[in-house]
Amino acid sequence: MPERPVVDDEDERVPWYLPRNRRYRRRLSFTREGKLFVFVTFGLGFAAVNTGTNLMYLVFGFMLSLISLSGVRSEHALRKLHIRRNLPTRAFAGEPTLIEIEIHNDKERLTSYSVEVSDRAVGAVNDRRCYFLKVGPGADQSASYRRIIARRGTLRFRGFRVSTRFPFALFEKWRELDADGELLVFPAPLPCSFAEGAAQEEGDQAGSSRGRGTETRELREYRSGDEMRAIHWRRSAALGKPIVREFEREAAAILSILLDNGRPKDASGDWDTAFEQNVSRAAFVAERALSRGFSVEICARSARSVLLSGGSPPDDLWRFLALLSSDGRGELLAPKRGARVVDLRANVLHPSAAEVSAA
């Protein structure tokens, strides 16, 4: 869901007796051209004072007026800007993620030129910034940037850095706006191959569960990948958001994925790498099994995911894997009775479910 916009409240007056970081909410730095321009300006002013030449005084005053004009126009460019961050519904570790930034100019008459917005995240570095050449009065603009997130889990955003070099690029003026946000990063599915040659008995696949069922299991919110024909239009109109039917599938075989998240005391970095690879393998197997009609669950130490029926989007299982810690305690939970098992502790697939990971 879109986050609430960050409002640049310029009408708030901060008293003079407050700390400097509250009174002066703008920051300024010189560009390379700006340093040269200021150096030449003061050099020319010093020469004008020594020589008393009127022409030098005139040029010196003109250059000072450019500096003053640069400060005033850059201030107008940063005032009354509303910024919103639109996060994607899915994000995977190690893959480019597209994040949209929207900016609204709430000024009645003045246009904001050359505005650059940098999205700040905890422990992450931006790949690029969003640049807005011109945002007219009362207008909206949007731009996107790509961010590659290294690890699964929750990525927390701190806010925005809004800057401009308008109009003469002599100075860069910026301000920082607080805007908290969270993005859940799923593990990237890692294709894997298990021991082959196991006999596939007839009926191992949940063939009768492929396709749509006839009985409604529950109503839930729309997720990316759901079919449009599954939308419950009457309920969606009543709640003001898309609601879909989740159908019951007949004779769906259950597949349990065993993932040991108990980190040994003497474990090294190699164990952590292997564990993350197993998490990615579990994400791949879960997606493949759901697409083939299996009902899938994931069992870890003192933690068990929900049981998803075949054909459902794997987001709930991916969410479980994204938040699964590597320091689990207790015993590894046993799979459901009669379920086919994928054991990722030793990277061995139970023979009766070998077809799940077949290419």
Protein backbone atom coordinates (compact mmCIF):
# COMPACT_ATOMS: atom_id res chain seq x y z
CA MET A 1 0.00 0.00 0.00
CA PRO A 2 1.23 3.53 -0.71
CA GLU A 3 2.70 5.30 2.26
CA ARG A 4 1.44 8.56 3.63
CA PRO A 5 3.07 11.55 1.95
CA VAL A 6 5.80 13.46 3.72
CA VAL A 7 4.71 17.06 4.10
CA ASP A 8 7.20 19.86 4.02
CA ASP A 9 5.55 22.15 6.57
CA GLU A 10 7.08 25.53 5.97
CA ASP A 11 4.45 27.42 7.91
CA GLU A 12 5.83 26.15 11.22
CA ARG A 13 7.96 28.86 12.82
CA VAL A 14 10.86 27.62 14.90
CA PRO A 15 11.88 30.07 17.66
CA TRP A 16 15.36 31.50 17.66
CA TYR A 17 16.24 29.98 21.05
CA LEU A 18 15.94 26.37 19.81
CA PRO A 19 19.06 24.41 18.78
CA ARG A 20 20.64 25.14 15.44
CA ASN A 21 19.51 21.88 13.85
CA ARG A 22 15.92 22.94 14.53
CA ARG A 23 16.25 26.56 13.43
CA TYR A 24 18.23 25.97 10.25
CA ARG A 25 16.61 23.07 8.49
CA ARG A 26 18.50 23.67 5.23
CA ARG A 27 22.04 22.62 4.50
CA LEU A 28 24.32 24.10 1.91
CA SER A 29 27.51 22.99 0.21
CA PHE A 30 29.64 24.51 -2.52
CA THR A 31 29.98 22.89 -5.90
CA ARG A 32 33.30 23.04 -7.72
CA GLU A 33 31.99 25.83 -9.93
CA GLY A 34 30.59 27.60 -6.90
CA LYS A 35 33.93 27.61 -5.09
CA LEU A 36 35.60 29.13 -8.14
CA PHE A 37 32.85 31.72 -8.55
CA VAL A 38 33.00 32.82 -4.90
CA PHE A 39 36.80 33.00 -5.03
CA VAL A 40 36.67 35.22 -8.13
CA THR A 41 33.91 37.35 -6.57
CA PHE A 42 35.84 38.15 -3.41
CA GLY A 43 39.03 38.64 -5.39
CA LEU A 44 37.25 41.16 -7.58
CA GLY A 45 35.78 42.90 -4.52
CA PHE A 46 39.22 43.17 -2.93
CA ALA A 47 40.59 44.67 -6.16
CA ALA A 48 37.67 47.12 -6.36
CA VAL A 49 38.31 48.34 -2.81
CA ASN A 50 42.03 48.84 -3.51
CA THR A 51 41.64 50.57 -6.88
CA GLY A 52 38.35 52.36 -6.39
CA THR A 53 37.30 51.57 -9.96
CA ASN A 54 33.57 52.00 -10.45
CA LEU A 55 33.41 49.30 -13.12
CA MET A 56 34.88 46.78 -10.69
CA TYR A 57 32.34 47.77 -8.07
CA LEU A 58 29.60 47.29 -10.63
CA VAL A 59 30.78 43.81 -11.62
CA PHE A 60 31.34 42.90 -7.97
CA GLY A 61 27.78 43.90 -7.10
CA PHE A 62 26.44 41.95 -10.07
CA MET A 63 28.24 38.80 -8.94
CA LEU A 64 26.97 39.20 -5.38
CA SER A 65 23.44 39.54 -6.72
CA LEU A 66 23.84 36.21 -8.53
CA ILE A 67 24.83 34.55 -5.25
CA SER A 68 21.83 36.07 -3.48
CA LEU A 69 19.50 35.09 -6.31
CA SER A 70 20.84 31.53 -6.21
CA GLY A 71 19.98 31.25 -2.52
CA VAL A 72 16.46 32.65 -2.94
CA ARG A 73 15.52 30.53 -5.97
CA SER A 74 16.93 27.32 -4.50
CA GLU A 75 14.90 27.98 -1.35
CA HIS A 76 11.73 28.33 -3.39
CA ALA A 77 12.53 25.08 -5.21
CA LEU A 78 12.58 23.11 -1.94
CA ARG A 79 9.55 24.64 -0.27
CA LYS A 80 6.16 22.91 0.10
CA LEU A 81 7.07 19.62 -1.53
CA HIS A 82 5.10 16.48 -0.66
CA ILE A 83 6.97 13.21 -1.25
CA ARG A 84 5.59 9.67 -1.32
CA ARG A 85 7.36 6.32 -1.62
CA ASN A 86 5.53 3.49 -3.42
CA LEU A 87 6.99 0.10 -2.56
CA PRO A 88 6.57 -3.00 -4.77
CA THR A 89 4.38 -5.90 -3.70
CA ARG A 90 7.27 -8.33 -4.18
CA ALA A 91 11.01 -7.89 -3.76
CA PHE A 92 13.68 -10.60 -3.92
CA ALA A 93 17.17 -10.61 -2.46
CA GLY A 94 19.93 -10.06 -4.99
CA GLU A 95 17.55 -8.94 -7.74
CA PRO A 96 16.85 -5.36 -8.93
CA THR A 97 13.80 -3.89 -7.23
CA LEU A 98 11.94 -0.94 -8.73
CA ILE A 99 10.83 1.69 -6.19
CA GLU A 100 8.70 4.64 -7.24
CA ILE A 101 9.01 8.16 -5.81
CA GLU A 102 6.16 10.63 -6.23
CA ILE A 103 6.54 14.34 -5.63
CA HIS A 104 3.80 16.95 -5.39
CA ASN A 105 4.40 20.70 -5.56
CA ASP A 106 1.94 22.40 -3.22
CA LYS A 107 2.98 25.93 -4.17
CA GLU A 108 0.31 28.00 -5.88
CA ARG A 109 2.46 29.95 -8.35
CA LEU A 110 6.11 28.94 -8.22
CA THR A 111 7.64 26.00 -10.08
CA SER A 112 10.29 23.78 -8.56
CA TYR A 113 13.18 23.12 -10.94
CA SER A 114 15.98 20.58 -10.83
CA VAL A 115 14.92 18.67 -7.69
CA GLU A 116 16.76 15.49 -6.76
CA VAL A 117 15.31 13.02 -4.25
CA SER A 118 17.47 10.38 -2.58
CA ASP A 119 15.72 7.58 -0.71
CA ARG A 120 17.56 6.64 2.50
CA ALA A 121 17.46 3.12 3.91
CA VAL A 122 19.07 1.59 6.99
CA GLY A 123 22.24 -0.27 6.10
CA ALA A 124 21.75 0.09 2.33
CA VAL A 125 23.23 2.26 -0.38
CA ASN A 126 21.27 3.84 -3.20
CA ASP A 127 21.99 2.67 -6.72
CA ARG A 128 20.76 6.00 -8.07
CA ARG A 129 18.62 9.02 -7.25
CA CYS A 130 15.37 10.26 -8.72
CA TYR A 131 15.70 13.52 -10.64
CA PHE A 132 12.80 15.85 -11.42
CA LEU A 133 13.56 18.55 -13.96
CA LYS A 134 10.37 20.57 -13.50
CA VAL A 135 7.45 20.24 -11.09
CA GLY A 136 4.84 22.90 -11.81
CA PRO A 137 2.59 24.51 -9.18
CA GLY A 138 0.03 21.98 -8.01
CA ALA A 139 1.52 19.30 -10.29
CA ASP A 140 2.60 15.72 -9.58
CA GLN A 141 5.65 13.95 -10.95
CA SER A 142 6.87 10.40 -10.45
CA ALA A 143 10.14 8.62 -11.12
CA SER A 144 11.60 5.24 -10.23
CA TYR A 145 14.98 3.95 -9.23
CA ARG A 146 16.45 0.46 -8.95
CA ARG A 147 17.78 -0.89 -5.69
CA ILE A 148 19.52 -4.24 -5.29
CA ILE A 149 18.97 -5.61 -1.79
CA ALA A 150 21.64 -8.06 -0.73
CA ARG A 151 19.80 -10.07 1.93
CA ARG A 152 16.33 -11.31 2.70
CA GLY A 153 14.37 -9.87 5.59
CA THR A 154 12.94 -6.45 6.39
CA LEU A 155 14.49 -3.39 4.76
CA ARG A 156 13.71 -0.25 6.76
CA PHE A 157 13.61 3.19 5.20
CA ARG A 158 14.48 6.34 7.15
CA GLY A 159 13.40 9.16 4.88
CA PHE A 160 14.40 11.34 1.94
CA ARG A 161 17.19 13.73 1.07
CA VAL A 162 15.75 16.46 -1.17
CA SER A 163 18.34 18.64 -2.91
CA THR A 164 18.67 21.13 -5.73
CA ARG A 165 21.41 23.07 -7.55
CA PHE A 166 19.00 25.45 -9.20
CA PRO A 167 19.50 27.98 -10.72
CA PHE A 168 23.25 28.39 -11.39
CA ALA A 169 24.72 25.20 -9.84
CA LEU A 170 26.91 27.34 -7.59
CA PHE A 171 25.63 25.64 -4.44
CA GLU A 172 23.80 22.47 -3.56
CA LYS A 173 21.06 23.06 -1.02
CA TRP A 174 19.29 20.13 0.59
CA ARG A 175 17.11 19.08 3.45
CA GLU A 176 16.34 15.72 5.02
CA LEU A 177 12.78 14.52 5.61
CA ASP A 178 11.82 11.68 7.93
CA ALA A 179 9.65 9.02 6.28
CA ASP A 180 9.70 5.58 7.85
CA GLY A 181 8.81 2.56 5.77
CA GLU A 182 9.41 -1.18 5.57
CA LEU A 183 9.86 -3.54 2.64
CA LEU A 184 9.81 -7.29 3.15
CA VAL A 185 12.46 -8.89 0.95
CA PHE A 186 11.79 -12.50 -0.08
CA PRO A 187 14.63 -14.97 -0.61
CA ALA A 188 15.45 -15.37 -4.28
CA PRO A 189 14.27 -18.83 -5.44
CA LEU A 190 17.34 -20.93 -6.18
CA PRO A 191 16.75 -23.74 -8.70
CA CYS A 192 18.00 -27.02 -7.31
CA SER A 193 18.22 -30.64 -8.42
CA PHE A 194 17.91 -33.58 -6.07
CA ALA A 195 18.71 -37.29 -6.37
CA GLU A 196 16.95 -38.72 -9.38
CA GLY A 197 16.04 -42.27 -10.38
CA ALA A 198 13.36 -42.75 -7.75
CA ALA A 199 10.24 -44.50 -8.94
CA GLN A 200 7.23 -42.24 -9.41
CA GLU A 201 4.12 -44.01 -8.40
CA GLU A 202 0.87 -43.28 -10.13
CA GLY A 203 -1.06 -40.72 -8.13
CA ASP A 204 2.00 -39.14 -6.52
CA GLN A 205 1.06 -35.90 -8.21
CA ALA A 206 -2.09 -34.24 -7.02
CA GLY A 207 -3.61 -34.51 -10.45
CA SER A 208 -7.17 -34.22 -9.27
CA SER A 209 -6.37 -30.90 -7.62
CA ARG A 210 -5.09 -29.11 -10.72
CA GLY A 211 -7.35 -26.34 -12.00
CA ARG A 212 -10.10 -24.56 -10.10
CA GLY A 213 -12.04 -26.26 -7.36
CA THR A 214 -15.80 -26.02 -6.93
CA GLU A 215 -16.07 -25.17 -3.22
CA THR A 216 -15.09 -21.80 -1.78
CA ARG A 217 -12.55 -22.24 1.01
CA GLU A 218 -12.26 -18.61 2.17
CA LEU A 219 -12.29 -14.98 1.08
CA ARG A 220 -9.08 -12.99 1.20
CA GLU A 221 -7.49 -9.85 -0.24
CA TYR A 222 -6.25 -9.84 -3.80
CA ARG A 223 -2.56 -10.72 -4.29
CA SER A 224 -0.37 -10.35 -7.31
CA GLY A 225 -0.85 -13.39 -9.54
CA ASP A 226 -4.48 -14.10 -8.63
CA GLU A 227 -6.92 -14.69 -11.46
CA MET A 228 -9.37 -11.92 -12.25
CA ARG A 229 -12.24 -14.41 -12.48
CA ALA A 230 -11.72 -15.33 -8.82
CA ILE A 231 -12.64 -11.81 -7.64
CA HIS A 232 -15.75 -11.64 -5.48
CA TRP A 233 -17.20 -8.45 -6.91
CA ARG A 234 -20.00 -7.95 -4.39
CA ARG A 235 -17.66 -8.26 -1.42
CA SER A 236 -15.04 -6.11 -3.15
CA ALA A 237 -17.59 -3.33 -3.68
CA ALA A 238 -18.66 -3.49 -0.04
CA LEU A 239 -15.11 -3.25 1.34
CA GLY A 240 -13.72 -0.91 -1.30
CA LYS A 241 -10.79 -3.19 -2.15
CA PRO A 242 -10.43 -6.32 -4.33
CA ILE A 243 -11.40 -9.57 -2.58
CA VAL A 244 -10.90 -12.98 -4.19
CA ARG A 245 -12.32 -16.44 -3.54
CA GLU A 246 -9.92 -19.19 -2.56
CA PHE A 247 -11.27 -22.53 -3.71
CA GLU A 248 -10.92 -25.89 -2.03
CA ARG A 249 -9.08 -28.49 -4.07
CA GLU A 250 -9.95 -32.15 -3.88
CA ALA A 251 -7.41 -34.80 -2.88
CA ALA A 252 -4.48 -32.40 -2.72
CA ALA A 253 -1.28 -34.16 -1.65
CA ILE A 254 0.65 -32.44 1.15
CA LEU A 255 4.34 -31.64 0.78
CA SER A 256 6.36 -30.74 3.88
CA ILE A 257 9.69 -28.93 3.49
CA LEU A 258 12.07 -29.54 6.40
CA LEU A 259 14.48 -26.65 6.98
CA ASP A 260 16.84 -26.78 9.95
CA ASN A 261 17.47 -23.24 11.21
CA GLY A 262 19.36 -24.21 14.38
CA ARG A 263 22.81 -22.64 14.14
CA PRO A 264 25.49 -24.77 15.85
CA LYS A 265 27.69 -23.08 18.42
CA ASP A 266 30.85 -23.77 16.43
CA ALA A 267 29.30 -22.74 13.09
CA SER A 268 31.34 -20.61 10.70
CA GLY A 269 30.50 -18.36 7.81
CA ASP A 270 30.23 -21.40 5.55
CA TRP A 271 27.26 -22.61 7.59
CA ASP A 272 25.52 -19.27 7.20
CA THR A 273 26.07 -19.34 3.44
CA ALA A 274 24.74 -22.90 3.20
CA PHE A 275 21.70 -21.99 5.30
CA GLU A 276 20.83 -19.03 3.07
CA GLN A 277 21.14 -21.29 0.03
CA ASN A 278 18.78 -23.79 1.63
CA VAL A 279 16.29 -21.01 2.32
CA SER A 280 16.42 -20.05 -1.37
CA ARG A 281 16.01 -23.72 -2.36
CA ALA A 282 12.98 -23.98 -0.09
CA ALA A 283 11.46 -20.95 -1.82
CA PHE A 284 11.98 -22.59 -5.21
CA VAL A 285 10.58 -25.98 -4.16
CA ALA A 286 7.55 -24.35 -2.52
CA GLU A 287 6.71 -22.38 -5.65
CA ARG A 288 7.18 -25.40 -7.92
CA ALA A 289 5.10 -27.66 -5.68
CA LEU A 290 2.22 -25.20 -5.45
CA SER A 291 2.15 -24.85 -9.22
CA ARG A 292 1.94 -28.65 -9.56
CA GLY A 293 -1.05 -28.88 -7.21
CA PHE A 294 0.55 -29.87 -3.91
CA SER A 295 -0.47 -28.34 -0.59
CA VAL A 296 2.79 -27.07 0.91
CA GLU A 297 4.07 -26.28 4.40
CA ILE A 298 7.52 -25.47 5.77
CA CYS A 299 8.74 -26.93 9.07
CA ALA A 300 11.61 -25.43 11.05
CA ARG A 301 12.71 -25.41 14.67
CA SER A 302 9.72 -24.32 16.80
CA ALA A 303 8.15 -22.70 13.75
CA ARG A 304 5.75 -23.89 11.09
CA SER A 305 4.33 -21.98 8.15
CA VAL A 306 0.71 -21.99 7.10
CA LEU A 307 -0.45 -24.82 4.87
CA LEU A 308 -1.11 -23.43 1.41
CA SER A 309 -3.33 -25.33 -0.97
CA GLY A 310 -2.15 -26.15 -4.47
CA GLY A 311 -2.36 -23.35 -6.98
CA SER A 312 -2.18 -20.58 -4.37
CA PRO A 313 0.39 -17.77 -4.68
CA PRO A 314 3.50 -18.66 -2.64
CA ASP A 315 3.71 -15.25 -0.94
CA ASP A 316 2.79 -16.55 2.53
CA LEU A 317 5.51 -19.20 2.38
CA TRP A 318 8.03 -16.71 1.02
CA ARG A 319 7.09 -14.33 3.85
CA PHE A 320 7.74 -17.10 6.37
CA LEU A 321 11.16 -17.78 4.82
CA ALA A 322 12.04 -14.08 4.67
CA LEU A 323 11.52 -13.70 8.42
CA LEU A 324 13.01 -17.06 9.45
CA SER A 325 16.02 -16.55 11.71
CA SER A 326 19.09 -18.75 11.69
CA ASP A 327 19.21 -19.17 15.49
CA GLY A 328 16.14 -21.33 15.98
CA ARG A 329 15.66 -23.14 19.28
CA GLY A 330 13.90 -26.35 20.17
CA GLU A 331 13.27 -29.43 18.07
CA LEU A 332 12.60 -29.52 14.37
CA LEU A 333 8.84 -29.82 13.96
CA ALA A 334 7.62 -33.04 12.38
CA PRO A 335 5.74 -32.94 9.05
CA LYS A 336 2.08 -33.71 8.83
CA ARG A 337 1.14 -37.36 8.87
CA GLY A 338 1.16 -38.89 5.41
CA ALA A 339 2.88 -35.88 3.83
CA ARG A 340 5.61 -36.20 1.27
CA VAL A 341 8.84 -34.71 2.57
CA VAL A 342 11.57 -32.51 1.14
CA ASP A 343 14.47 -32.67 3.60
CA LEU A 344 16.81 -29.73 3.07
CA ARG A 345 19.00 -30.59 6.04
CA ALA A 346 21.03 -33.00 3.91
CA ASN A 347 19.82 -31.78 0.53
CA VAL A 348 17.94 -35.05 -0.02
CA LEU A 349 14.50 -35.29 -1.57
CA HIS A 350 12.07 -37.93 -0.42
CA PRO A 351 11.61 -40.34 -3.38
CA SER A 352 7.84 -40.02 -3.42
CA ALA A 353 8.07 -36.29 -4.20
CA ALA A 354 10.94 -36.33 -6.66
CA GLU A 355 8.75 -34.92 -9.41
CA VAL A 356 8.29 -31.66 -7.53
CA SER A 357 11.75 -30.32 -8.37
CA ALA A 358 12.00 -31.89 -11.81
CA ALA A 359 12.92 -29.37 -14.42
